[in-house]
């Protein structure tokens, strides 16, 4: 089975997650490659798709959402999994006791779940390098706000064991033959 791990990233952390998922799928015997969504124009060569994107302010990057809409007919004909990266830090629950990963679920996932019927979805912690140049107006403006600087922890918070475990679940699902039954 040939698997595409397509992703939209702004600073590269989501690309790193996609690369790790593709590597784990290959290690489990699947043919898999990670590619940015803007480089994928045809899904015909792929039997399954893992689609990911970074989330900012509770929204998936527009490139990831546009890819899902543009290829919805093709995606609905094959197994699909969705992932997002974005929350920063190591806290599992926020000040109100809510699960940080669930709270960071992109608003677009409700619509995409109905549209694509994914086999699964996962939210992963992301990474933030304050030395990286800001991309987009919002980042340029918020980088200079003291409250934003205090609320945005710097570092790489990606949970590689959780990413590997999720990729292993996908590989098991694909190897079982269940993925062939849409």
C-alpha atoms as a PDB file:
ATOM      1  CA  UNK A   1       0.000   0.000   0.000  1.00  0.00           C
ATOM      2  CA  UNK A   2       1.348   3.453  -0.921  1.00  0.00           C
ATOM      3  CA  UNK A   3       0.690   6.158   1.665  1.00  0.00           C
ATOM      4  CA  UNK A   4       0.941   9.913   1.234  1.00  0.00           C
ATOM      5  CA  UNK A   5       1.632  11.978   4.331  1.00  0.00           C
ATOM      6  CA  UNK A   6       0.652  15.437   3.082  1.00  0.00           C
ATOM      7  CA  UNK A   7       1.162  18.453   5.293  1.00  0.00           C
ATOM      8  CA  UNK A   8       0.947  22.226   5.589  1.00  0.00           C
ATOM      9  CA  UNK A   9       3.542  23.875   7.797  1.00  0.00           C
ATOM     10  CA  UNK A  10       4.555  27.397   8.579  1.00  0.00           C
ATOM     11  CA  UNK A  11       7.876  27.012  10.404  1.00  0.00           C
ATOM     12  CA  UNK A  12       8.693  23.356   9.809  1.00  0.00           C
ATOM     13  CA  UNK A  13       7.551  21.598  12.992  1.00  0.00           C
ATOM     14  CA  UNK A  14       4.599  19.974  11.219  1.00  0.00           C
ATOM     15  CA  UNK A  15       6.891  18.890   8.384  1.00  0.00           C
ATOM     16  CA  UNK A  16       9.025  17.141  10.996  1.00  0.00           C
ATOM     17  CA  UNK A  17       5.972  15.306  12.320  1.00  0.00           C
ATOM     18  CA  UNK A  18       4.940  14.291   8.794  1.00  0.00           C
ATOM     19  CA  UNK A  19       8.455  13.023   8.050  1.00  0.00           C
ATOM     20  CA  UNK A  20       8.426  11.000  11.274  1.00  0.00           C
ATOM     21  CA  UNK A  21       5.023   9.456  10.443  1.00  0.00           C
ATOM     22  CA  UNK A  22       6.201   8.520   6.937  1.00  0.00           C
ATOM     23  CA  UNK A  23       9.404   6.990   8.336  1.00  0.00           C
ATOM     24  CA  UNK A  24       7.436   4.963  10.898  1.00  0.00           C
ATOM     25  CA  UNK A  25       5.086   3.718   8.181  1.00  0.00           C
ATOM     26  CA  UNK A  26       8.065   2.688   6.036  1.00  0.00           C
ATOM     27  CA  UNK A  27       9.643   0.918   9.018  1.00  0.00           C
ATOM     28  CA  UNK A  28       6.371  -1.018   9.379  1.00  0.00           C
ATOM     29  CA  UNK A  29       6.566  -2.185   5.765  1.00  0.00           C
ATOM     30  CA  UNK A  30       4.387   0.419   4.046  1.00  0.00           C
ATOM     31  CA  UNK A  31       5.484   2.543   1.109  1.00  0.00           C
ATOM     32  CA  UNK A  32       5.137   6.092   2.435  1.00  0.00           C
ATOM     33  CA  UNK A  33       6.324   9.578   1.587  1.00  0.00           C
ATOM     34  CA  UNK A  34       5.821  12.988   3.197  1.00  0.00           C
ATOM     35  CA  UNK A  35       5.139  15.930   0.897  1.00  0.00           C
ATOM     36  CA  UNK A  36       3.892  19.501   1.346  1.00  0.00           C
ATOM     37  CA  UNK A  37       0.277  19.870   0.218  1.00  0.00           C
ATOM     38  CA  UNK A  38       1.225  22.499  -2.353  1.00  0.00           C
ATOM     39  CA  UNK A  39       3.406  19.924  -4.140  1.00  0.00           C
ATOM     40  CA  UNK A  40       0.639  17.297  -4.419  1.00  0.00           C
ATOM     41  CA  UNK A  41      -1.637  17.605  -7.430  1.00  0.00           C
ATOM     42  CA  UNK A  42      -2.732  14.011  -7.977  1.00  0.00           C
ATOM     43  CA  UNK A  43      -3.744  11.420  -5.397  1.00  0.00           C
ATOM     44  CA  UNK A  44      -4.118   8.559  -7.911  1.00  0.00           C
ATOM     45  CA  UNK A  45      -0.732   6.985  -7.002  1.00  0.00           C
ATOM     46  CA  UNK A  46      -1.713   6.726  -3.321  1.00  0.00           C
ATOM     47  CA  UNK A  47      -3.860   4.145  -1.561  1.00  0.00           C
ATOM     48  CA  UNK A  48      -4.139   6.056   1.721  1.00  0.00           C
ATOM     49  CA  UNK A  49      -3.518   9.593   2.951  1.00  0.00           C
ATOM     50  CA  UNK A  50      -2.440  11.057   6.264  1.00  0.00           C
ATOM     51  CA  UNK A  51      -3.175  14.788   6.114  1.00  0.00           C
ATOM     52  CA  UNK A  52      -1.716  17.209   8.613  1.00  0.00           C
ATOM     53  CA  UNK A  53      -1.366  20.858   9.277  1.00  0.00           C
ATOM     54  CA  UNK A  54      -0.246  23.293  11.895  1.00  0.00           C
ATOM     55  CA  UNK A  55      -2.969  25.039  13.859  1.00  0.00           C
ATOM     56  CA  UNK A  56      -2.832  28.650  14.922  1.00  0.00           C
ATOM     57  CA  UNK A  57      -5.522  30.257  17.051  1.00  0.00           C
ATOM     58  CA  UNK A  58      -7.660  27.091  16.801  1.00  0.00           C
ATOM     59  CA  UNK A  59      -7.584  27.048  12.986  1.00  0.00           C
ATOM     60  CA  UNK A  60      -5.783  24.658  10.673  1.00  0.00           C
ATOM     61  CA  UNK A  61      -3.531  26.304   8.108  1.00  0.00           C
ATOM     62  CA  UNK A  62      -5.573  27.310   5.069  1.00  0.00           C
ATOM     63  CA  UNK A  63      -3.368  25.261   2.718  1.00  0.00           C
ATOM     64  CA  UNK A  64      -4.307  22.053   4.553  1.00  0.00           C
ATOM     65  CA  UNK A  65      -8.018  22.894   4.537  1.00  0.00           C
ATOM     66  CA  UNK A  66      -7.913  23.916   0.867  1.00  0.00           C
ATOM     67  CA  UNK A  67      -6.153  20.639  -0.003  1.00  0.00           C
ATOM     68  CA  UNK A  68      -8.869  18.647   1.772  1.00  0.00           C
ATOM     69  CA  UNK A  69     -11.616  20.505  -0.090  1.00  0.00           C
ATOM     70  CA  UNK A  70      -9.871  20.392  -3.457  1.00  0.00           C
ATOM     71  CA  UNK A  71      -9.272  16.629  -3.220  1.00  0.00           C
ATOM     72  CA  UNK A  72     -12.380  15.672  -1.238  1.00  0.00           C
ATOM     73  CA  UNK A  73     -13.691  13.264  -3.899  1.00  0.00           C
ATOM     74  CA  UNK A  74     -10.364  11.427  -4.120  1.00  0.00           C
ATOM     75  CA  UNK A  75      -9.888  11.482  -0.353  1.00  0.00           C
ATOM     76  CA  UNK A  76     -13.353  10.043   0.217  1.00  0.00           C
ATOM     77  CA  UNK A  77     -12.338   7.017  -1.876  1.00  0.00           C
ATOM     78  CA  UNK A  78      -9.389   6.007   0.316  1.00  0.00           C
ATOM     79  CA  UNK A  79      -8.514   5.743   4.002  1.00  0.00           C
ATOM     80  CA  UNK A  80      -7.635   9.117   5.503  1.00  0.00           C
ATOM     81  CA  UNK A  81      -6.203  10.190   8.837  1.00  0.00           C
ATOM     82  CA  UNK A  82      -5.936  13.796  10.061  1.00  0.00           C
ATOM     83  CA  UNK A  83      -3.397  15.357  12.384  1.00  0.00           C
ATOM     84  CA  UNK A  84      -2.633  18.790  13.679  1.00  0.00           C
ATOM     85  CA  UNK A  85       0.245  20.334  15.570  1.00  0.00           C
ATOM     86  CA  UNK A  86       0.172  23.457  17.553  1.00  0.00           C
ATOM     87  CA  UNK A  87      -0.173  23.614  21.299  1.00  0.00           C
ATOM     88  CA  UNK A  88       3.073  24.551  22.986  1.00  0.00           C
ATOM     89  CA  UNK A  89       4.388  23.532  26.356  1.00  0.00           C
ATOM     90  CA  UNK A  90       4.160  20.391  28.412  1.00  0.00           C
ATOM     91  CA  UNK A  91       0.956  20.972  30.364  1.00  0.00           C
ATOM     92  CA  UNK A  92      -1.630  18.263  29.747  1.00  0.00           C
ATOM     93  CA  UNK A  93      -4.486  20.332  31.174  1.00  0.00           C
ATOM     94  CA  UNK A  94      -5.092  24.070  31.146  1.00  0.00           C
ATOM     95  CA  UNK A  95      -6.010  26.342  34.067  1.00  0.00           C
ATOM     96  CA  UNK A  96      -9.666  25.302  33.752  1.00  0.00           C
ATOM     97  CA  UNK A  97      -8.805  21.604  33.781  1.00  0.00           C
ATOM     98  CA  UNK A  98      -9.461  21.042  30.066  1.00  0.00           C
ATOM     99  CA  UNK A  99      -7.281  18.664  28.042  1.00  0.00           C
ATOM    100  CA  UNK A 100      -4.825  20.920  26.178  1.00  0.00           C
ATOM    101  CA  UNK A 101      -4.669  18.710  23.089  1.00  0.00           C
ATOM    102  CA  UNK A 102      -8.439  18.423  22.767  1.00  0.00           C
ATOM    103  CA  UNK A 103      -8.851  22.155  23.342  1.00  0.00           C
ATOM    104  CA  UNK A 104      -6.384  22.778  20.475  1.00  0.00           C
ATOM    105  CA  UNK A 105      -8.435  20.695  18.011  1.00  0.00           C
ATOM    106  CA  UNK A 106      -8.800  22.855  14.879  1.00  0.00           C
ATOM    107  CA  UNK A 107     -12.311  24.162  14.282  1.00  0.00           C
ATOM    108  CA  UNK A 108     -12.132  22.788  10.719  1.00  0.00           C
ATOM    109  CA  UNK A 109     -11.979  19.174  11.968  1.00  0.00           C
ATOM    110  CA  UNK A 110     -15.750  18.970  12.532  1.00  0.00           C
ATOM    111  CA  UNK A 111     -16.447  19.845   8.907  1.00  0.00           C
ATOM    112  CA  UNK A 112     -13.590  17.692   7.598  1.00  0.00           C
ATOM    113  CA  UNK A 113     -14.730  14.700   9.643  1.00  0.00           C
ATOM    114  CA  UNK A 114     -18.128  14.939   7.990  1.00  0.00           C
ATOM    115  CA  UNK A 115     -16.602  15.523   4.556  1.00  0.00           C
ATOM    116  CA  UNK A 116     -13.793  12.929   4.581  1.00  0.00           C
ATOM    117  CA  UNK A 117     -14.798  10.360   7.226  1.00  0.00           C
ATOM    118  CA  UNK A 118     -11.236   9.952   8.497  1.00  0.00           C
ATOM    119  CA  UNK A 119     -10.187   6.723  10.193  1.00  0.00           C
ATOM    120  CA  UNK A 120      -8.672   8.776  12.985  1.00  0.00           C
ATOM    121  CA  UNK A 121      -7.347  12.125  14.050  1.00  0.00           C
ATOM    122  CA  UNK A 122      -4.649  13.262  16.411  1.00  0.00           C
ATOM    123  CA  UNK A 123      -3.429  16.533  17.854  1.00  0.00           C
ATOM    124  CA  UNK A 124       0.286  16.803  18.649  1.00  0.00           C
ATOM    125  CA  UNK A 125       2.286  19.375  20.534  1.00  0.00           C
ATOM    126  CA  UNK A 126       4.325  21.657  18.286  1.00  0.00           C
ATOM    127  CA  UNK A 127       7.526  23.655  18.466  1.00  0.00           C
ATOM    128  CA  UNK A 128       8.329  27.343  18.631  1.00  0.00           C
ATOM    129  CA  UNK A 129      11.652  29.021  17.941  1.00  0.00           C
ATOM    130  CA  UNK A 130      11.439  32.694  18.951  1.00  0.00           C
ATOM    131  CA  UNK A 131      14.493  33.386  16.791  1.00  0.00           C
ATOM    132  CA  UNK A 132      12.689  32.264  13.608  1.00  0.00           C
ATOM    133  CA  UNK A 133      11.471  35.180  11.524  1.00  0.00           C
ATOM    134  CA  UNK A 134       7.726  35.771  11.900  1.00  0.00           C
ATOM    135  CA  UNK A 135       5.541  34.767   8.967  1.00  0.00           C
ATOM    136  CA  UNK A 136       2.395  36.722   8.271  1.00  0.00           C
ATOM    137  CA  UNK A 137       0.955  39.872   9.745  1.00  0.00           C
ATOM    138  CA  UNK A 138      -0.489  38.244  12.862  1.00  0.00           C
ATOM    139  CA  UNK A 139       2.863  36.778  13.876  1.00  0.00           C
ATOM    140  CA  UNK A 140       4.644  40.064  13.221  1.00  0.00           C
ATOM    141  CA  UNK A 141       2.158  41.956  15.386  1.00  0.00           C
ATOM    142  CA  UNK A 142       1.859  39.471  18.239  1.00  0.00           C
ATOM    143  CA  UNK A 143       5.598  38.866  18.599  1.00  0.00           C
ATOM    144  CA  UNK A 144       5.939  42.370  20.027  1.00  0.00           C
ATOM    145  CA  UNK A 145       3.158  42.070  22.602  1.00  0.00           C
ATOM    146  CA  UNK A 146       4.490  41.339  26.088  1.00  0.00           C
ATOM    147  CA  UNK A 147       1.485  39.141  26.933  1.00  0.00           C
ATOM    148  CA  UNK A 148       2.060  37.023  23.813  1.00  0.00           C
ATOM    149  CA  UNK A 149       5.733  36.624  24.627  1.00  0.00           C
ATOM    150  CA  UNK A 150       4.904  35.430  28.154  1.00  0.00           C
ATOM    151  CA  UNK A 151       2.155  33.064  26.948  1.00  0.00           C
ATOM    152  CA  UNK A 152       4.212  31.465  24.165  1.00  0.00           C
ATOM    153  CA  UNK A 153       6.766  29.027  25.540  1.00  0.00           C
ATOM    154  CA  UNK A 154       9.815  28.521  23.367  1.00  0.00           C
ATOM    155  CA  UNK A 155      11.079  25.036  22.577  1.00  0.00           C
ATOM    156  CA  UNK A 156      10.368  21.790  20.794  1.00  0.00           C
ATOM    157  CA  UNK A 157       7.438  20.108  22.519  1.00  0.00           C
ATOM    158  CA  UNK A 158       6.748  17.442  19.896  1.00  0.00           C
ATOM    159  CA  UNK A 159       6.077  14.126  21.623  1.00  0.00           C
ATOM    160  CA  UNK A 160       7.979  11.708  19.390  1.00  0.00           C
ATOM    161  CA  UNK A 161       6.819   8.554  21.226  1.00  0.00           C
ATOM    162  CA  UNK A 162       3.171   9.660  20.803  1.00  0.00           C
ATOM    163  CA  UNK A 163       3.782  10.378  17.111  1.00  0.00           C
ATOM    164  CA  UNK A 164       5.442   6.974  16.649  1.00  0.00           C
ATOM    165  CA  UNK A 165       2.588   5.234  18.476  1.00  0.00           C
ATOM    166  CA  UNK A 166      -0.040   6.895  16.287  1.00  0.00           C
ATOM    167  CA  UNK A 167       1.878   6.020  13.130  1.00  0.00           C
ATOM    168  CA  UNK A 168       2.115   2.417  14.374  1.00  0.00           C
ATOM    169  CA  UNK A 169      -1.681   2.337  14.789  1.00  0.00           C
ATOM    170  CA  UNK A 170      -2.088   3.524  11.198  1.00  0.00           C
ATOM    171  CA  UNK A 171       0.422   0.931   9.957  1.00  0.00           C
ATOM    172  CA  UNK A 172      -1.407  -1.835  11.827  1.00  0.00           C
ATOM    173  CA  UNK A 173      -4.700  -0.698  10.341  1.00  0.00           C
ATOM    174  CA  UNK A 174      -3.250  -0.636   6.826  1.00  0.00           C
ATOM    175  CA  UNK A 175      -1.596  -4.046   7.222  1.00  0.00           C
ATOM    176  CA  UNK A 176      -4.844  -5.588   8.480  1.00  0.00           C
ATOM    177  CA  UNK A 177      -6.557  -5.026   5.152  1.00  0.00           C
ATOM    178  CA  UNK A 178      -9.342  -3.053   6.863  1.00  0.00           C
ATOM    179  CA  UNK A 179      -8.139   0.027   4.992  1.00  0.00           C
ATOM    180  CA  UNK A 180      -9.317  -1.550   1.732  1.00  0.00           C
ATOM    181  CA  UNK A 181     -12.928  -1.432   2.898  1.00  0.00           C
ATOM    182  CA  UNK A 182     -14.224   2.093   2.669  1.00  0.00           C
END
